[in-house]
């Protein structure tokens, strides 16, 4: 599950990652910027501490105004205006939030809330599809909901790990994914017998080969190496530098 987070402490983030959630922790400058993050990447859910992030009790309102239905779970120490907790929570829900948990949050409760919110959302969220023109009249297409991948109209047969790598890159167009983040996304923090970081390069190499087998040069349009930083799925068009 891909999650964007704002204002969470490192212990909570580590707990989410240990429960197989890929957490993209960001400093978000206001609810309108939160809308941009949800629009630009295929997140399954968002979680914010409404005080620590300074996004506030109305954070979900612009999301729903933009017709974005991705679940948003909030964490709060309670209102500073004397409101009872029930009224405080109701305000968050009435303005488009999916759940509001009291801080300091129980990480297990947060995981359960996120899973419940995404289960409810599956009935109303349409498939999220990423498409790219890869030249020669061909296209790359990945259904982020089902994981199905096509190149030039042909199915790409990927392993679960290869699919997880490609999904992570494609869900963050224009943003660099470090090898460490990719490794955590695949295996989680503290996984038994966690492999070395070079396994990420192996998965990327296999991905490129499978993409290019169906359409020569496809991988150069889809997976860019950013030396010393990681990998990048370009927002659109060919990458600025040749992939290696």
Protein backbone atom coordinates (compact mmCIF):
# COMPACT_ATOMS: atom_id res chain seq x y z
CA UNK A 1 0.00 0.00 0.00
CA UNK A 2 1.41 3.40 -1.01
CA UNK A 3 0.77 6.14 1.55
CA UNK A 4 1.59 9.83 1.68
CA UNK A 5 2.14 11.13 5.20
CA UNK A 6 2.65 14.51 6.82
CA UNK A 7 3.61 15.34 10.39
CA UNK A 8 4.16 11.77 11.61
CA UNK A 9 6.91 10.86 14.05
CA UNK A 10 9.62 8.43 12.92
CA UNK A 11 8.41 5.65 15.23
CA UNK A 12 4.98 5.66 13.64
CA UNK A 13 6.45 5.80 10.12
CA UNK A 14 8.71 2.84 10.95
CA UNK A 15 5.72 0.86 12.27
CA UNK A 16 3.75 1.49 9.07
CA UNK A 17 6.69 0.38 6.93
CA UNK A 18 7.15 -2.72 9.06
CA UNK A 19 3.53 -3.54 8.18
CA UNK A 20 4.31 -3.52 4.44
CA UNK A 21 3.21 0.04 3.80
CA UNK A 22 5.32 2.28 1.57
CA UNK A 23 5.31 5.66 3.33
CA UNK A 24 6.18 8.86 1.48
CA UNK A 25 6.71 11.37 4.32
CA UNK A 26 6.44 14.94 3.03
CA UNK A 27 6.34 18.51 4.29
CA UNK A 28 3.17 19.82 2.67
CA UNK A 29 2.50 23.54 2.51
CA UNK A 30 -1.25 23.68 2.94
CA UNK A 31 -4.32 21.68 1.83
CA UNK A 32 -4.07 22.88 -1.78
CA UNK A 33 -0.58 21.39 -2.08
CA UNK A 34 -1.96 18.16 -0.62
CA UNK A 35 -4.36 18.06 -3.57
CA UNK A 36 -1.40 18.38 -5.95
CA UNK A 37 0.40 15.46 -4.31
CA UNK A 38 -2.66 13.22 -4.58
CA UNK A 39 -3.23 14.25 -8.19
CA UNK A 40 0.37 13.64 -9.30
CA UNK A 41 0.88 10.21 -7.74
CA UNK A 42 -1.22 7.08 -7.26
CA UNK A 43 -1.39 6.86 -3.48
CA UNK A 44 -3.74 4.37 -1.84
CA UNK A 45 -4.30 6.62 1.19
CA UNK A 46 -2.99 9.59 3.12
CA UNK A 47 -2.38 10.10 6.84
CA UNK A 48 -1.70 13.46 8.47
CA UNK A 49 -1.19 14.82 11.95
CA UNK A 50 -3.39 17.86 11.52
CA UNK A 51 -1.53 19.92 14.13
CA UNK A 52 2.10 18.92 13.50
CA UNK A 53 1.65 19.21 9.73
CA UNK A 54 -0.32 22.46 10.14
CA UNK A 55 -2.81 21.22 7.55
CA UNK A 56 -5.68 21.68 9.96
CA UNK A 57 -9.11 20.22 10.57
CA UNK A 58 -10.32 21.19 7.06
CA UNK A 59 -7.44 19.47 5.23
CA UNK A 60 -9.66 17.03 3.32
CA UNK A 61 -12.11 19.65 2.02
CA UNK A 62 -10.07 20.73 -1.06
CA UNK A 63 -9.45 17.04 -1.91
CA UNK A 64 -13.15 16.31 -2.06
CA UNK A 65 -13.85 19.55 -3.92
CA UNK A 66 -11.40 18.27 -6.55
CA UNK A 67 -13.40 15.00 -6.65
CA UNK A 68 -10.45 13.05 -5.27
CA UNK A 69 -11.75 10.06 -3.29
CA UNK A 70 -8.46 8.68 -1.93
CA UNK A 71 -8.91 7.96 1.82
CA UNK A 72 -7.41 10.47 4.28
CA UNK A 73 -6.90 9.53 7.93
CA UNK A 74 -6.08 12.26 10.44
CA UNK A 75 -4.34 12.30 13.82
CA UNK A 76 -5.07 15.06 16.33
CA UNK A 77 -4.43 16.00 19.95
CA UNK A 78 -7.84 17.68 19.98
CA UNK A 79 -9.10 21.16 19.25
CA UNK A 80 -7.67 24.14 21.11
CA UNK A 81 -11.01 25.95 21.27
CA UNK A 82 -12.63 23.83 23.92
CA UNK A 83 -14.55 21.55 21.56
CA UNK A 84 -15.30 18.07 22.83
CA UNK A 85 -13.41 15.27 21.05
CA UNK A 86 -16.59 13.98 19.43
CA UNK A 87 -17.34 17.38 17.88
CA UNK A 88 -13.70 17.80 16.82
CA UNK A 89 -13.71 14.41 15.09
CA UNK A 90 -17.09 15.13 13.49
CA UNK A 91 -15.71 18.30 11.91
CA UNK A 92 -12.89 16.35 10.25
CA UNK A 93 -15.31 13.71 8.95
CA UNK A 94 -17.90 16.28 7.80
CA UNK A 95 -15.25 18.02 5.72
CA UNK A 96 -14.18 14.89 3.84
CA UNK A 97 -11.84 13.00 6.19
CA UNK A 98 -12.24 9.25 6.58
CA UNK A 99 -11.15 8.83 10.20
CA UNK A 100 -9.60 10.92 12.98
CA UNK A 101 -7.51 9.26 15.68
CA UNK A 102 -6.47 10.82 18.96
CA UNK A 103 -2.77 11.62 19.47
CA UNK A 104 -0.53 10.09 20.61
CA UNK A 105 -1.77 7.50 18.16
CA UNK A 106 -1.57 3.77 18.72
CA UNK A 107 0.33 2.63 15.58
CA UNK A 108 -1.66 -0.61 15.44
CA UNK A 109 -4.90 1.38 15.48
CA UNK A 110 -3.56 3.58 12.68
CA UNK A 111 -2.73 0.57 10.51
CA UNK A 112 -6.20 -0.86 11.11
CA UNK A 113 -7.83 2.47 10.27
CA UNK A 114 -5.88 2.80 7.01
CA UNK A 115 -6.77 -0.75 5.96
CA UNK A 116 -10.44 -0.20 6.79
CA UNK A 117 -10.55 3.12 4.92
CA UNK A 118 -9.00 1.60 1.78
CA UNK A 119 -11.38 -1.37 1.94
CA UNK A 120 -14.33 1.02 1.98
CA UNK A 121 -12.84 3.06 -0.86
CA UNK A 122 -12.41 0.12 -3.22
CA UNK A 123 -16.12 0.16 -3.91
CA UNK A 124 -16.06 3.73 -5.23
CA UNK A 125 -12.59 4.31 -6.67
CA UNK A 126 -12.19 3.53 -10.35
CA UNK A 127 -9.07 1.84 -11.66
CA UNK A 128 -6.05 4.14 -11.71
CA UNK A 129 -4.15 3.79 -14.98
CA UNK A 130 -0.76 5.26 -15.92
CA UNK A 131 -0.12 5.60 -19.66
CA UNK A 132 2.93 6.79 -21.61
CA UNK A 133 3.74 7.24 -25.29
CA UNK A 134 6.97 5.27 -25.86
CA UNK A 135 7.48 6.16 -29.51
CA UNK A 136 6.70 4.46 -32.80
CA UNK A 137 2.97 4.67 -32.16
CA UNK A 138 3.34 2.37 -29.13
CA UNK A 139 2.21 2.97 -25.57
CA UNK A 140 3.00 1.77 -22.07
CA UNK A 141 -0.01 1.12 -19.85
CA UNK A 142 -0.09 0.06 -16.19
CA UNK A 143 -3.24 -0.44 -14.20
CA UNK A 144 -2.18 0.62 -10.71
CA UNK A 145 -5.23 -1.08 -9.18
CA UNK A 146 -4.78 -4.55 -10.70
CA UNK A 147 -1.05 -4.36 -11.49
CA UNK A 148 -1.57 -5.34 -15.14
CA UNK A 149 1.14 -3.99 -17.48
CA UNK A 150 1.08 -3.68 -21.27
CA UNK A 151 3.64 -2.46 -23.80
CA UNK A 152 2.51 -1.88 -27.39
CA UNK A 153 -0.71 -3.73 -26.57
CA UNK A 154 1.11 -6.83 -25.33
CA UNK A 155 1.03 -8.11 -21.77
CA UNK A 156 4.28 -7.82 -19.80
CA UNK A 157 4.76 -10.83 -17.54
CA UNK A 158 6.36 -9.64 -14.31
CA UNK A 159 7.20 -11.29 -11.01
CA UNK A 160 5.66 -9.86 -7.87
CA UNK A 161 8.88 -8.06 -6.92
CA UNK A 162 9.35 -6.62 -10.42
CA UNK A 163 5.75 -5.42 -10.41
CA UNK A 164 6.25 -3.77 -7.00
CA UNK A 165 9.32 -1.87 -8.26
CA UNK A 166 7.57 -0.66 -11.41
CA UNK A 167 4.43 0.27 -9.50
CA UNK A 168 6.42 2.35 -7.02
CA UNK A 169 8.21 4.25 -9.79
CA UNK A 170 5.08 4.76 -11.91
CA UNK A 171 3.08 6.01 -8.91
CA UNK A 172 5.59 8.83 -8.38
CA UNK A 173 6.11 10.40 -11.81
CA UNK A 174 8.87 12.99 -11.83
CA UNK A 175 10.07 12.06 -8.32
CA UNK A 176 13.28 10.21 -7.58
CA UNK A 177 12.90 6.92 -5.67
CA UNK A 178 16.05 6.00 -3.78
CA UNK A 179 17.22 2.41 -3.85
CA UNK A 180 16.74 2.27 -0.09
CA UNK A 181 13.10 3.35 -0.44
CA UNK A 182 12.49 0.78 -3.17
CA UNK A 183 14.04 -1.97 -1.03
CA UNK A 184 11.85 -1.00 1.94
CA UNK A 185 8.77 -0.94 -0.30
CA UNK A 186 9.46 -4.50 -1.44
CA UNK A 187 10.63 -6.16 1.76
CA UNK A 188 9.64 -3.86 4.63
CA UNK A 189 11.87 -2.72 7.47
CA UNK A 190 13.33 -5.49 9.58
CA UNK A 191 12.37 -8.25 7.16
CA UNK A 192 14.13 -11.54 7.83
CA UNK A 193 17.14 -12.11 5.60
CA UNK A 194 16.79 -8.65 4.04
CA UNK A 195 18.82 -8.67 0.79
CA UNK A 196 21.57 -6.25 -0.09
CA UNK A 197 20.74 -2.97 -1.83
CA UNK A 198 22.14 -4.21 -5.15
CA UNK A 199 19.09 -6.46 -5.56
CA UNK A 200 17.20 -3.31 -6.60
CA UNK A 201 19.55 -2.92 -9.60
CA UNK A 202 18.87 -6.55 -10.51
CA UNK A 203 15.10 -6.00 -10.51
CA UNK A 204 15.44 -2.83 -12.59
CA UNK A 205 17.70 -4.62 -15.08
CA UNK A 206 15.13 -7.41 -15.50
CA UNK A 207 12.33 -4.87 -15.87
CA UNK A 208 14.19 -3.03 -18.62
CA UNK A 209 14.89 -6.23 -20.49
CA UNK A 210 11.25 -7.33 -20.41
CA UNK A 211 9.99 -3.91 -21.54
CA UNK A 212 12.50 -3.72 -24.39
CA UNK A 213 11.67 -7.25 -25.57
CA UNK A 214 8.18 -6.04 -26.47
CA UNK A 215 9.19 -2.62 -27.81
CA UNK A 216 12.86 -1.69 -28.35
CA UNK A 217 13.81 1.40 -26.38
CA UNK A 218 10.70 1.33 -24.19
CA UNK A 219 12.68 1.17 -20.95
CA UNK A 220 14.63 4.34 -21.83
CA UNK A 221 11.29 6.20 -21.89
CA UNK A 222 10.09 4.74 -18.60
CA UNK A 223 12.97 4.15 -16.17
CA UNK A 224 15.66 6.77 -15.77
CA UNK A 225 18.77 6.34 -13.63
CA UNK A 226 19.62 9.36 -11.50
CA UNK A 227 23.22 8.72 -10.57
CA UNK A 228 23.92 8.59 -6.85
CA UNK A 229 20.21 9.06 -6.02
CA UNK A 230 18.07 6.28 -7.46
CA UNK A 231 15.51 5.82 -10.22
CA UNK A 232 12.89 8.05 -11.82
CA UNK A 233 9.73 7.49 -13.85
CA UNK A 234 9.56 10.67 -16.00
CA UNK A 235 6.42 12.75 -15.89
CA UNK A 236 6.08 12.64 -19.66
CA UNK A 237 8.16 12.25 -22.81
CA UNK A 238 11.70 10.88 -22.99
CA UNK A 239 14.03 11.20 -19.99
CA UNK A 240 16.56 13.99 -19.87
CA UNK A 241 19.47 11.53 -19.98
CA UNK A 242 19.82 8.04 -21.35
CA UNK A 243 19.13 5.29 -18.84
CA UNK A 244 21.96 2.95 -18.02
